[in-house]
Protein backbone atom coordinates (compact mmCIF):
# COMPACT_ATOMS: atom_id res chain seq x y z
CA MET A 1 0.04 -0.13 0.03
CA SER A 2 1.17 3.46 -0.82
CA LYS A 3 2.19 6.04 1.74
CA GLN A 4 -0.70 8.18 0.51
CA ALA A 5 -3.12 5.51 1.03
CA LYS A 6 -1.92 4.76 4.58
CA LYS A 7 -2.16 8.35 5.45
CA LYS A 8 -5.90 8.48 4.27
CA GLN A 9 -6.70 5.48 6.60
CA GLN A 10 -5.26 7.07 9.77
CA PRO A 11 -8.07 8.97 11.90
CA GLN A 12 -8.00 12.76 11.68
CA LEU A 13 -8.80 14.65 14.77
CA ILE A 14 -10.94 17.90 14.28
CA PRO A 15 -9.50 20.28 16.89
CA VAL A 16 -12.68 22.58 16.89
CA ARG A 17 -15.08 19.76 17.89
CA LEU A 18 -12.69 18.49 20.59
CA TYR A 19 -12.53 21.85 22.05
CA VAL A 20 -16.21 22.41 22.13
CA LEU A 21 -16.83 18.94 23.64
CA VAL A 22 -14.36 19.57 26.37
CA GLY A 23 -15.60 23.07 27.03
CA PHE A 24 -19.18 21.82 27.36
CA VAL A 25 -18.10 19.25 29.89
CA CYS A 26 -16.05 21.67 31.82
CA LEU A 27 -18.99 24.17 31.79
CA MET A 28 -21.33 21.56 33.12
CA PHE A 29 -18.96 20.54 36.04
CA VAL A 30 -18.55 24.13 36.88
CA SER A 31 -22.39 24.74 36.91
CA LEU A 32 -22.88 21.78 39.12
CA ILE A 33 -20.21 23.08 41.54
CA VAL A 34 -21.71 26.53 41.54
CA ARG A 35 -25.15 25.20 42.24
CA ALA A 36 -24.00 23.01 44.93
CA ALA A 37 -22.22 25.90 46.43
CA TYR A 38 -25.10 28.05 46.08
CA ILE A 39 -27.47 25.65 47.86
CA GLN A 40 -24.97 24.74 50.57
CA LEU A 41 -23.61 28.18 51.43
CA VAL A 42 -26.12 30.90 50.04
CA GLU A 43 -29.65 29.33 50.55
CA PRO A 44 -29.32 26.15 52.67
CA GLU A 45 -32.67 26.93 54.43
CA ARG A 46 -34.83 26.20 51.55
CA LEU A 47 -33.51 22.65 51.12
CA ARG A 48 -33.86 21.97 54.84
CA LYS A 49 -37.42 23.35 54.60
CA GLU A 50 -38.08 21.03 51.80
CA SER A 51 -36.82 18.11 53.85
CA ASP A 52 -38.68 19.07 56.87
CA MET A 53 -41.96 19.25 55.06
CA ARG A 54 -41.51 15.69 54.03
CA THR A 55 -40.26 14.09 57.22
CA LEU A 56 -41.12 16.33 60.32
CA ARG A 57 -44.36 15.47 61.98
CA THR A 58 -46.12 16.30 65.38
CA THR A 59 -47.26 13.28 67.19
CA SER A 60 -49.41 13.45 70.26
CA THR A 61 -50.05 10.74 73.05
CA GLU A 62 -53.51 9.29 73.57
CA VAL A 63 -55.16 10.55 76.80
CA HIS A 64 -58.38 8.62 77.66
CA ARG A 65 -61.28 10.58 79.15
CA GLY A 66 -61.64 10.35 83.01
CA LEU A 67 -63.83 7.68 84.67
CA ILE A 68 -67.15 8.45 86.33
CA THR A 69 -67.95 6.44 89.29
CA ASP A 70 -70.69 6.34 91.91
CA ARG A 71 -69.86 6.88 95.61
CA ASN A 72 -68.90 3.18 96.09
CA GLY A 73 -66.62 2.96 93.03
CA GLU A 74 -68.91 1.55 90.66
CA MET A 75 -68.13 2.46 87.07
CA LEU A 76 -70.88 4.69 85.35
CA ALA A 77 -68.85 5.89 82.39
CA VAL A 78 -65.60 4.54 80.98
CA SER A 79 -63.49 5.05 77.73
CA VAL A 80 -62.66 1.93 75.95
CA PRO A 81 -60.04 1.63 73.07
CA VAL A 82 -61.37 1.63 69.53
CA ARG A 83 -60.14 2.32 66.11
CA ALA A 84 -60.84 4.73 63.28
CA VAL A 85 -60.58 3.68 59.66
CA TRP A 86 -59.30 6.08 57.29
CA VAL A 87 -57.93 6.10 53.55
CA ASP A 88 -55.25 7.95 51.68
CA PRO A 89 -56.98 8.31 48.31
CA LYS A 90 -53.49 9.24 46.70
CA VAL A 91 -51.70 6.04 47.87
CA VAL A 92 -54.68 3.91 46.77
CA HIS A 93 -54.62 5.31 43.16
CA GLU A 94 -50.82 5.22 42.94
CA ARG A 95 -50.68 1.53 44.09
CA GLY A 96 -53.71 0.37 41.96
CA GLY A 97 -55.58 -0.51 45.04
CA LEU A 98 -59.03 -0.12 43.30
CA ARG A 99 -58.31 -3.27 41.31
CA GLU A 100 -58.83 -5.38 44.46
CA ARG A 101 -62.64 -5.37 44.08
CA ARG A 102 -63.27 -8.29 46.39
CA ARG A 103 -61.19 -6.86 49.15
CA TRP A 104 -63.03 -3.53 49.00
CA GLN A 105 -66.40 -5.45 49.13
CA ALA A 106 -65.20 -7.29 52.19
CA LEU A 107 -64.21 -3.87 53.77
CA ALA A 108 -67.54 -2.46 52.95
CA ASP A 109 -69.39 -5.43 54.51
CA VAL A 110 -67.46 -5.34 57.78
CA LEU A 111 -68.09 -1.61 58.08
CA GLN A 112 -71.69 -2.07 57.23
CA LEU A 113 -71.62 0.37 54.44
CA PRO A 114 -72.49 0.03 50.76
CA VAL A 115 -69.37 -0.56 48.79
CA GLU A 116 -70.36 2.28 46.28
CA LYS A 117 -70.19 4.71 49.20
CA VAL A 118 -66.77 3.50 50.34
CA LEU A 119 -65.28 3.71 46.74
CA GLN A 120 -66.92 7.07 46.37
CA ARG A 121 -64.91 8.45 49.19
CA VAL A 122 -61.71 7.09 47.59
CA THR A 123 -62.33 8.22 44.11
CA VAL A 124 -64.08 11.68 44.50
CA ASN A 125 -60.60 13.32 44.90
CA PRO A 126 -57.66 11.20 44.04
CA LYS A 127 -55.15 13.66 45.30
CA LYS A 128 -56.70 13.92 48.77
CA ARG A 129 -54.48 12.52 51.54
CA PHE A 130 -57.05 11.87 54.27
CA THR A 131 -60.64 10.83 54.73
CA TYR A 132 -62.57 8.79 57.29
CA LEU A 133 -64.41 5.65 56.19
CA LYS A 134 -65.83 4.85 59.72
CA ARG A 135 -65.09 5.82 63.32
CA GLN A 136 -65.16 3.99 66.50
CA VAL A 137 -64.92 0.41 65.20
CA THR A 138 -64.19 -2.37 67.60
CA PRO A 139 -60.74 -3.97 68.06
CA ALA A 140 -62.07 -7.18 66.30
CA VAL A 141 -63.28 -5.25 63.23
CA ALA A 142 -60.12 -3.42 63.17
CA ASP A 143 -57.99 -6.82 63.11
CA TYR A 144 -60.09 -8.10 60.21
CA ILE A 145 -59.40 -4.80 58.35
CA ARG A 146 -55.77 -5.05 58.96
CA GLN A 147 -55.61 -8.69 57.54
CA LEU A 148 -57.23 -7.31 54.28
CA LYS A 149 -54.02 -5.45 53.51
CA LEU A 150 -55.62 -2.95 51.31
CA PRO A 151 -53.17 -0.19 50.21
CA GLY A 152 -53.98 3.18 51.44
CA VAL A 153 -56.30 1.97 54.08
CA TYR A 154 -55.26 2.69 57.73
CA LEU A 155 -56.20 2.49 61.27
CA LYS A 156 -56.00 5.30 63.88
CA ALA A 157 -56.26 4.64 67.68
CA GLU A 158 -59.17 6.59 69.40
CA SER A 159 -61.43 5.88 72.31
CA ARG A 160 -65.37 5.57 72.80
CA ARG A 161 -67.36 6.10 75.99
CA TYR A 162 -69.14 3.24 77.25
CA TYR A 163 -71.93 3.32 79.96
CA PRO A 164 -72.23 0.15 82.00
CA THR A 165 -75.47 1.16 83.64
CA SER A 166 -77.17 1.96 80.37
CA GLU A 167 -80.70 3.62 80.62
CA ILE A 168 -80.67 3.66 84.43
CA ASP A 169 -78.36 6.72 84.60
CA ALA A 170 -78.63 8.04 81.20
CA GLN A 171 -80.17 11.61 81.53
CA LEU A 172 -77.91 12.29 84.62
CA ILE A 173 -74.66 11.05 83.23
CA GLY A 174 -75.31 12.33 79.79
CA ILE A 175 -73.26 11.34 76.44
CA THR A 176 -70.25 12.45 74.52
CA ASN A 177 -70.07 13.07 70.95
CA ILE A 178 -67.94 10.97 68.35
CA ASP A 179 -64.97 13.28 69.33
CA ASP A 180 -65.25 12.29 72.89
CA LYS A 181 -66.42 15.71 73.98
CA GLY A 182 -69.33 15.91 76.71
CA ILE A 183 -72.74 17.17 75.03
CA GLU A 184 -75.26 16.18 77.73
CA GLY A 185 -75.44 15.73 81.54
CA ILE A 186 -72.56 15.41 83.80
CA GLU A 187 -70.32 14.61 80.73
CA ARG A 188 -71.01 18.15 79.47
CA ALA A 189 -71.00 19.98 82.86
CA TYR A 190 -67.58 18.46 83.91
CA ASP A 191 -66.24 18.08 80.29
CA GLN A 192 -63.09 20.17 81.00
CA TRP A 193 -62.42 18.12 84.35
CA LEU A 194 -62.72 14.83 82.51
CA THR A 195 -60.72 15.75 79.43
CA GLY A 196 -56.84 15.44 79.62
CA THR A 197 -54.45 17.42 77.42
CA PRO A 198 -52.38 15.18 75.16
CA SER A 199 -48.47 15.53 75.12
CA LYS A 200 -47.30 16.68 71.56
CA GLN A 201 -43.80 15.90 70.48
CA GLN A 202 -41.99 16.70 67.22
CA VAL A 203 -40.51 13.75 65.50
CA ARG A 204 -38.83 12.78 62.17
CA LYS A 205 -40.43 10.00 60.19
CA SER A 206 -39.18 7.96 57.27
CA ARG A 207 -41.00 7.49 54.16
CA ASP A 208 -42.74 4.44 55.46
CA GLY A 209 -44.21 6.26 58.48
CA LYS A 210 -41.73 4.94 61.14
CA VAL A 211 -40.22 7.42 63.70
CA VAL A 212 -36.47 7.64 63.08
CA GLU A 213 -35.69 10.46 65.33
CA ARG A 214 -37.36 12.28 68.34
CA LEU A 215 -36.69 15.85 68.29
CA ASP A 216 -38.50 18.13 70.91
CA VAL A 217 -41.66 18.28 73.08
CA VAL A 218 -43.95 20.76 71.69
CA GLN A 219 -46.51 20.67 74.49
CA GLN A 220 -46.66 19.13 77.93
CA GLY A 221 -49.78 17.14 78.32
CA GLU A 222 -52.01 16.76 81.54
CA ASN A 223 -53.75 13.49 82.58
CA SER A 224 -57.48 13.29 82.72
CA ASN A 225 -59.29 13.35 86.09
CA ASP A 226 -61.79 10.95 87.41
CA LEU A 227 -65.14 12.04 88.78
CA VAL A 228 -66.77 10.49 91.90
CA LEU A 229 -70.41 11.19 92.21
CA SER A 230 -72.73 11.29 95.17
CA LEU A 231 -74.92 8.58 93.55
CA ASP A 232 -75.44 5.13 95.16
CA GLN A 233 -75.88 2.99 92.17
CA ARG A 234 -77.87 0.44 94.37
CA ILE A 235 -80.43 3.02 95.23
CA GLN A 236 -80.41 4.45 91.87
CA ALA A 237 -81.29 1.21 90.14
CA LEU A 238 -84.03 0.49 92.72
CA ALA A 239 -85.47 3.93 91.87
CA TYR A 240 -85.46 3.66 88.20
CA ARG A 241 -86.82 0.29 88.37
CA GLU A 242 -89.81 1.11 90.47
CA LEU A 243 -90.43 4.39 88.60
CA LYS A 244 -90.42 2.67 85.17
CA ARG A 245 -92.94 0.04 86.58
CA ALA A 246 -95.23 2.79 87.85
CA THR A 247 -95.17 4.88 84.70
CA GLU A 248 -95.80 1.79 82.59
CA TYR A 249 -98.60 0.56 84.88
CA THR A 250 -100.35 3.99 84.87
CA GLN A 251 -99.41 4.76 81.17
CA ALA A 252 -98.01 8.01 82.35
CA THR A 253 -96.16 10.49 79.90
CA SER A 254 -93.20 10.47 82.12
CA GLY A 255 -92.03 10.21 85.74
CA SER A 256 -89.13 11.59 87.84
CA ILE A 257 -87.63 10.63 91.24
CA VAL A 258 -85.09 12.30 93.48
CA VAL A 259 -83.34 10.76 96.57
CA LEU A 260 -81.34 13.21 98.85
CA ASP A 261 -79.22 12.63 101.86
CA VAL A 262 -80.93 14.75 104.50
CA HIS A 263 -77.75 15.84 106.33
CA THR A 264 -75.40 16.67 103.34
CA GLY A 265 -77.61 17.52 100.37
CA GLU A 266 -76.06 14.78 98.32
CA VAL A 267 -78.08 13.29 95.56
CA LEU A 268 -78.21 9.56 96.10
CA ALA A 269 -80.48 8.93 93.12
CA MET A 270 -82.09 10.78 90.40
CA ALA A 271 -83.99 8.91 87.77
CA ASN A 272 -86.41 9.68 84.90
CA THR A 273 -88.65 7.80 82.43
CA PRO A 274 -88.79 7.26 79.64
CA SER A 275 -85.02 6.84 79.36
CA TYR A 276 -82.78 5.70 76.46
CA ASN A 277 -79.70 3.54 76.06
CA PRO A 278 -76.60 5.87 75.74
CA ASN A 279 -74.61 2.98 74.04
CA SER A 280 -76.83 2.97 70.99
CA ARG A 281 -77.46 6.32 69.35
CA GLU A 282 -79.64 4.90 66.49
CA GLY A 283 -83.14 6.24 66.38
CA LEU A 284 -82.34 8.44 69.55
CA GLN A 285 -85.13 10.81 70.55
CA SER A 286 -84.32 14.01 72.08
CA TYR A 287 -87.28 14.27 74.59
CA ARG A 288 -85.78 10.88 76.22
CA MET A 289 -82.46 12.66 76.96
CA ARG A 290 -83.93 15.58 79.24
CA ASN A 291 -83.11 15.10 82.93
CA ARG A 292 -86.71 16.00 83.91
CA ALA A 293 -85.99 15.83 87.64
CA LEU A 294 -84.32 19.26 87.34
CA THR A 295 -85.47 20.67 84.18
CA ASP A 296 -89.26 20.38 84.35
CA SER A 297 -91.27 22.21 86.78
CA TYR A 298 -94.81 21.57 87.94
CA GLU A 299 -97.43 23.06 90.17
CA PRO A 300 -96.75 21.10 93.34
CA GLY A 301 -100.21 20.87 94.54
CA SER A 302 -100.76 19.73 98.30
CA THR A 303 -97.08 18.82 98.76
CA ILE A 304 -96.53 22.43 99.56
CA LYS A 305 -98.92 22.45 102.38
CA PRO A 306 -96.55 21.42 105.21
CA PHE A 307 -94.59 24.72 104.44
CA VAL A 308 -97.61 26.94 104.87
CA VAL A 309 -98.09 25.48 108.32
CA ALA A 310 -94.37 26.05 109.06
CA ALA A 311 -94.68 29.58 107.78
CA GLY A 312 -97.60 30.22 110.14
CA LEU A 313 -95.84 28.70 113.21
CA GLU A 314 -92.66 30.79 112.47
CA ALA A 315 -94.87 34.04 112.09
CA GLY A 316 -96.71 33.17 115.26
CA THR A 317 -100.21 33.60 113.56
CA ILE A 318 -101.21 30.05 114.48
CA LYS A 319 -100.30 27.70 117.31
CA GLU A 320 -99.43 24.11 117.06
CA HIS A 321 -102.62 22.63 118.82
CA GLU A 322 -104.80 25.30 117.29
CA LEU A 323 -108.24 24.08 115.92
CA ILE A 324 -109.31 25.49 112.61
CA PRO A 325 -112.98 25.34 111.57
CA THR A 326 -113.58 24.08 108.10
CA SER A 327 -117.56 23.71 108.04
CA PRO A 328 -119.29 23.35 105.85
CA GLY A 329 -116.41 22.09 103.80
CA TRP A 330 -115.97 24.93 101.58
CA MET A 331 -115.60 28.78 101.72
CA ARG A 332 -116.06 31.58 99.46
CA ILE A 333 -112.96 33.78 98.86
CA GLY A 334 -113.42 36.88 96.58
CA GLY A 335 -116.36 35.47 94.71
CA ARG A 336 -114.81 32.06 94.24
CA ARG A 337 -114.75 28.88 96.00
CA VAL A 338 -112.34 26.75 97.85
CA ARG A 339 -113.68 23.31 98.69
CA ASP A 340 -112.75 20.07 100.48
CA SER A 341 -113.83 16.54 99.47
CA ASN A 342 -115.83 16.31 102.68
CA ASN A 343 -117.01 18.46 105.65
CA HIS A 344 -114.31 17.78 108.39
CA GLY A 345 -115.49 20.23 110.81
CA ASP A 346 -112.90 21.54 113.28
CA MET A 347 -109.42 20.39 112.38
CA SER A 348 -106.09 20.53 114.10
CA LEU A 349 -103.03 21.46 112.02
CA SER A 350 -102.07 17.68 111.89
CA GLN A 351 -105.58 16.78 110.72
CA VAL A 352 -105.56 19.55 107.99
CA LEU A 353 -102.36 17.94 106.58
CA ILE A 354 -103.56 14.37 107.08
CA LYS A 355 -106.85 15.03 105.28
CA SER A 356 -105.31 17.55 102.94
CA SER A 357 -107.90 20.26 103.75
CA ASN A 358 -107.76 23.08 101.19
CA VAL A 359 -110.15 25.09 103.32
CA GLY A 360 -108.13 24.59 106.44
CA ILE A 361 -104.70 25.40 104.73
CA SER A 362 -106.22 28.51 103.04
CA LYS A 363 -107.24 29.81 106.41
CA VAL A 364 -103.71 29.33 107.75
CA ALA A 365 -102.31 31.17 104.70
CA LEU A 366 -104.81 34.23 105.03
CA SER A 367 -103.76 34.39 108.65
CA MET A 368 -100.30 35.73 107.70
CA PRO A 369 -99.05 38.50 105.41
CA VAL A 370 -98.44 36.93 101.95
CA GLU A 371 -94.65 38.21 102.05
CA GLN A 372 -94.29 35.73 105.03
CA LEU A 373 -95.60 32.92 103.06
CA LEU A 374 -93.49 33.77 100.04
CA GLY A 375 -90.48 34.43 102.01
CA THR A 376 -90.76 30.97 103.53
CA TYR A 377 -91.10 29.32 100.15
CA GLN A 378 -88.09 31.31 98.67
CA SER A 379 -85.90 30.67 101.84
CA MET A 380 -86.41 26.98 101.52
CA GLY A 381 -85.33 26.98 97.72
CA LEU A 382 -88.43 27.70 95.62
CA GLY A 383 -87.49 30.20 92.76
CA ASN A 384 -83.85 29.53 93.20
CA TYR A 385 -81.21 27.07 91.86
CA SER A 386 -80.35 24.20 93.90
CA GLY A 387 -76.39 24.48 93.64
CA ILE A 388 -76.24 21.15 91.77
CA ASP A 389 -74.45 23.00 89.00
CA LEU A 390 -75.87 21.01 86.14
CA ILE A 391 -76.86 22.45 82.72
CA GLY A 392 -80.65 22.84 82.08
CA GLU A 393 -81.73 23.25 85.67
CA SER A 394 -84.94 25.18 86.19
CA ALA A 395 -85.48 27.43 89.26
CA GLY A 396 -89.31 27.26 89.01
CA ILE A 397 -91.55 30.09 89.11
CA ILE A 398 -92.82 32.26 92.01
CA HIS A 399 -94.45 35.52 90.94
CA ASP A 400 -93.40 38.72 92.64
CA ARG A 401 -96.55 40.93 92.57
CA PRO A 402 -97.15 44.19 94.42
CA ARG A 403 -100.69 43.12 95.15
CA TRP A 404 -102.26 39.69 95.79
CA SER A 405 -105.96 38.95 95.91
CA ASP A 406 -107.27 36.75 98.80
CA PHE A 407 -108.02 33.85 96.46
CA GLU A 408 -104.61 34.00 94.90
CA ARG A 409 -103.00 33.80 98.39
CA ALA A 410 -105.26 30.81 99.10
CA THR A 411 -104.25 29.20 95.95
CA LEU A 412 -100.54 29.53 96.82
CA SER A 413 -101.20 27.61 99.91
CA PHE A 414 -102.37 24.37 98.13
CA GLY A 415 -99.78 24.42 95.34
CA TYR A 416 -101.22 26.43 92.49
CA GLY A 417 -99.76 29.80 91.20
CA LEU A 418 -96.27 28.55 91.46
CA THR A 419 -94.09 25.83 90.01
CA ALA A 420 -91.15 23.71 91.40
CA THR A 421 -89.08 20.94 90.11
CA PRO A 422 -88.74 17.51 91.70
CA LEU A 423 -85.35 18.43 92.94
CA GLN A 424 -86.59 21.62 94.68
CA LEU A 425 -89.37 19.72 96.42
CA ALA A 426 -87.02 16.97 97.53
CA ARG A 427 -84.67 19.69 98.97
CA MET A 428 -87.56 21.27 100.94
CA TYR A 429 -88.47 18.02 102.61
CA ALA A 430 -84.87 17.36 103.23
CA THR A 431 -84.76 20.61 105.07
CA LEU A 432 -87.58 19.48 107.29
CA GLY A 433 -85.58 16.23 108.11
CA SER A 434 -82.30 18.27 108.78
CA GLY A 435 -84.09 20.30 111.61
CA GLY A 436 -84.58 23.48 109.41
CA ILE A 437 -81.08 23.63 107.87
CA LEU A 438 -81.03 24.20 103.96
CA TYR A 439 -78.00 22.40 102.39
CA PRO A 440 -76.91 23.15 98.81
CA THR A 441 -77.39 20.05 96.52
CA SER A 442 -74.36 18.15 95.45
CA ILE A 443 -74.03 15.61 92.68
CA LEU A 444 -70.43 15.05 93.64
CA LYS A 445 -69.56 12.95 96.52
CA LEU A 446 -68.46 15.17 99.64
CA THR A 447 -65.68 14.54 101.93
CA LYS A 448 -67.24 16.44 104.65
CA GLN A 449 -70.53 17.92 105.70
CA PRO A 450 -71.19 21.25 104.03
CA GLU A 451 -72.17 24.45 105.71
CA GLY A 452 -75.88 24.79 105.64
CA GLN A 453 -78.38 27.86 106.15
CA ARG A 454 -80.84 27.77 108.95
CA VAL A 455 -84.28 28.58 107.50
CA LEU A 456 -86.59 27.20 109.99
CA GLU A 457 -86.55 27.03 113.74
CA PRO A 458 -85.62 23.38 114.92
CA HIS A 459 -88.89 22.98 116.96
CA VAL A 460 -91.04 24.24 113.97
CA ALA A 461 -89.42 21.68 111.67
CA GLU A 462 -89.85 18.89 114.34
CA SER A 463 -93.50 19.76 114.79
CA VAL A 464 -94.39 19.76 111.13
CA MET A 465 -92.64 16.32 110.72
CA LYS A 466 -94.79 14.84 113.60
CA MET A 467 -97.87 16.37 112.04
CA LEU A 468 -97.18 14.52 108.72
CA VAL A 469 -96.71 10.98 110.14
CA GLY A 470 -100.41 10.28 109.92
CA VAL A 471 -100.61 10.91 106.20
CA THR A 472 -99.40 7.41 105.50
CA GLU A 473 -101.37 5.82 108.40
CA LYS A 474 -104.81 4.50 108.30
CA GLY A 475 -107.31 7.48 107.46
CA GLY A 476 -104.48 9.46 105.80
CA THR A 477 -104.41 10.18 101.97
CA ALA A 478 -101.35 7.98 101.27
CA THR A 479 -101.85 4.70 103.05
CA LYS A 480 -100.05 3.01 100.02
CA ALA A 481 -96.86 5.00 100.99
CA HIS A 482 -96.92 3.39 104.54
CA ILE A 483 -93.68 1.40 105.42
CA ALA A 484 -93.58 -0.85 108.47
CA GLY A 485 -90.84 -0.16 110.72
CA TYR A 486 -90.06 3.38 109.31
CA PRO A 487 -92.40 6.17 110.22
CA ILE A 488 -92.65 8.71 107.38
CA ALA A 489 -93.20 12.44 107.30
CA GLY A 490 -94.72 12.86 103.88
CA LYS A 491 -97.45 14.39 101.75
CA THR A 492 -99.38 13.69 98.66
CA GLY A 493 -100.04 16.10 95.78
CA THR A 494 -102.25 16.05 92.77
CA SER A 495 -102.46 19.14 90.67
CA ARG A 496 -104.22 19.76 87.22
CA LYS A 497 -102.06 20.79 84.45
CA ALA A 498 -102.36 24.24 83.10
CA VAL A 499 -103.41 24.89 79.47
CA ALA A 500 -104.14 27.94 77.44
CA GLY A 501 -106.91 29.72 79.25
CA GLY A 502 -107.14 27.65 82.48
CA TYR A 503 -106.65 24.05 83.49
CA GLY A 504 -107.05 21.01 81.36
CA ASP A 505 -108.00 17.26 82.06
CA ASP A 506 -104.48 16.04 82.68
CA TYR A 507 -102.98 15.58 86.05
CA VAL A 508 -99.58 15.41 87.83
CA GLY A 509 -99.32 12.94 90.85
CA LEU A 510 -96.80 13.62 93.47
CA PHE A 511 -95.56 12.34 96.83
CA ALA A 512 -92.72 13.83 98.97
CA GLY A 513 -91.38 12.72 102.38
CA VAL A 514 -88.64 12.15 104.78
CA ALA A 515 -87.86 8.90 106.59
CA PRO A 516 -87.51 7.77 109.38
CA ILE A 517 -88.73 10.85 111.44
CA ASN A 518 -87.03 9.41 114.52
CA ASN A 519 -83.64 9.52 112.82
CA PRO A 520 -84.17 11.14 109.33
CA ARG A 521 -81.74 9.98 106.56
CA LEU A 522 -83.47 10.34 103.24
CA ALA A 523 -85.82 12.76 101.53
CA ILE A 524 -87.60 11.50 98.35
CA THR A 525 -89.88 13.04 95.77
CA VAL A 526 -91.71 11.06 93.16
CA VAL A 527 -93.63 12.80 90.35
CA ILE A 528 -95.88 10.81 87.77
CA ASN A 529 -96.70 13.08 85.02
CA GLU A 530 -100.15 12.59 83.17
CA PRO A 531 -101.26 9.16 84.44
CA LYS A 532 -104.18 7.59 82.52
CA GLY A 533 -107.25 6.19 83.95
CA ASP A 534 -109.23 6.99 87.19
CA HIS A 535 -106.47 6.43 89.66
CA TYR A 536 -104.33 9.54 89.11
CA TYR A 537 -104.03 10.93 92.82
CA GLY A 538 -100.66 11.23 94.12
CA GLY A 539 -101.30 8.69 96.91
CA ASP A 540 -102.11 6.06 94.30
CA VAL A 541 -99.62 6.62 91.60
CA ALA A 542 -96.65 8.03 93.38
CA GLY A 543 -96.98 6.85 96.89
CA PRO A 544 -96.20 3.06 96.20
CA VAL A 545 -93.06 4.19 94.25
CA PHE A 546 -92.04 6.21 97.25
CA ALA A 547 -92.64 3.28 99.74
CA LYS A 548 -90.73 0.65 97.87
CA VAL A 549 -87.81 3.05 97.18
CA MET A 550 -87.55 4.43 100.58
CA SER A 551 -87.73 0.92 102.23
CA GLY A 552 -85.16 -0.55 100.08
CA ALA A 553 -82.76 2.38 100.40
CA LEU A 554 -83.02 2.51 104.19
CA GLN A 555 -82.28 -1.19 104.33
CA MET A 556 -79.24 -0.69 101.97
CA LEU A 557 -78.06 2.00 104.39
CA ASN A 558 -78.63 -0.24 107.33
CA VAL A 559 -80.95 2.02 109.00
CA GLU A 560 -82.66 0.14 111.87
CA PRO A 561 -86.43 -0.04 112.05
CA ILE A 562 -88.50 0.71 115.09
CA SER A 563 -91.13 -1.44 116.55
CA SER A 564 -94.75 -1.39 115.40
CA THR A 565 -95.75 -0.24 118.71
CA GLU A 566 -93.55 2.92 118.63
CA GLN A 567 -94.70 3.60 115.00
CA SER A 568 -98.45 3.32 116.08
CA ARG A 569 -97.59 5.75 118.84
CA MET A 570 -96.12 8.32 116.50
CA ALA A 571 -99.21 7.96 114.21
CA ALA A 572 -101.56 8.64 117.19
CA TYR A 573 -99.62 11.53 118.36
CA SER A 574 -99.90 12.91 114.72
CA ARG A 575 -103.69 12.34 114.65
CA GLY A 576 -103.96 14.27 118.17
CA VAL A 577 -104.68 11.27 120.32
CA LYS A 578 -103.09 11.38 123.46
């Protein structure tokens, strides 16, 4: 081969192209170095911010709501661990999770939701990062969902309130919402006390959600507090059972019962019918949730008469053994009649109460200034709040007028023209049992006896108590409230319900009393609202409930009964027999 041919076969370098290539590579490396230097030296915070946005998270510890127990430690409300099922739609779409139709159907079935509804929450916004599928599912359901291994479906720890006593304490304890916040009853009134504050901590998480570094405590938490109520669940269960039986038997619209400790003002029982199951919210009716014992007020009827006698004795306008003429069984006051069921002739104060004479008690009321009567009512708690500090309590109604007609003064004496709640009535009778000392009502268990206010002289309270013994004995208006071994100072009441323009055909039957009078322990008020049938009197519909609850409660508290001879002697004294 010639030299010229060999020269043509040798590769020829083109200097310009080489220089361009080398220059481009050098420029690229210089650019990278400059960019790295800029990021690291001039603007490092932006890179850290981008990193923190992807890895920094704030976690919080789970704090369960405090327990609610009765005075003996029985649980009335407790928080149980449950799970919330949530989904990350973006993860579902990125991992093709929607192709697993059978597993989505299984998920919908266990959540008791239509599969279309479940899929709609996932597909409506594919870029969304969080949406709930269902809250407060049981641990068993959560384990089943975990085994389905659906991409993008996760479980979150939360708690649910459980009420072991169910409908027995429903209106008093109340309920919480799905976020564990109290919305009714004690749960709402003491929500801040029962709710703790979770601790918050800043952590760094990896892409798969695991904590790789704990950085700082953002907020120090506080533990929740337990709540010990004054309730005695044994008495509460007894009271609710007997009240429910009575309202069902009489076909009443509703009923309420309150049991107070005479010497402390503590509420040992407070029950209402109809009730509801706070553990099942399906078909929940709002009227069943009302704590009628402190929200509903009624004209108290004849249950107010003992306090008219107390007001007269305090004012000195009547004497303990004074006889009051009631013939011919009615009297005309201001052009209107006040009447008794029979003509009882001359009656002692105890007989006026035993026979529930409207004529006799009207004469007692008219013997004193109306300010004296109203002052006694108000000093014993009517028209005022009881101090129980529960939301929705009614103060009742006592009108404040500059002038009162004689007939209006008479109606005040037998329980018309004013209203009171069952709680207020129980508190008034507890004041008689405590010797004239009015204590604030407490739903919380007390560690020491509270300071009360004297509103009646001790001898007046004792005299009125003795007068009332005959009400439940033979010849009284409430023989069905009689309890062998436990003498009762109690009074029946039957009031017609007011309607527009006057009074209708519906009645409220009441019984309130204290027992035993030789050693007063409990005051109980029973209200049966709108009983049906011919037997609507307080002694017939409310008296038996009072007797069963009072008898059972005193036995639970180990109160010793007295002999039948001693009880008969007390009844005879009440009737004026020496």
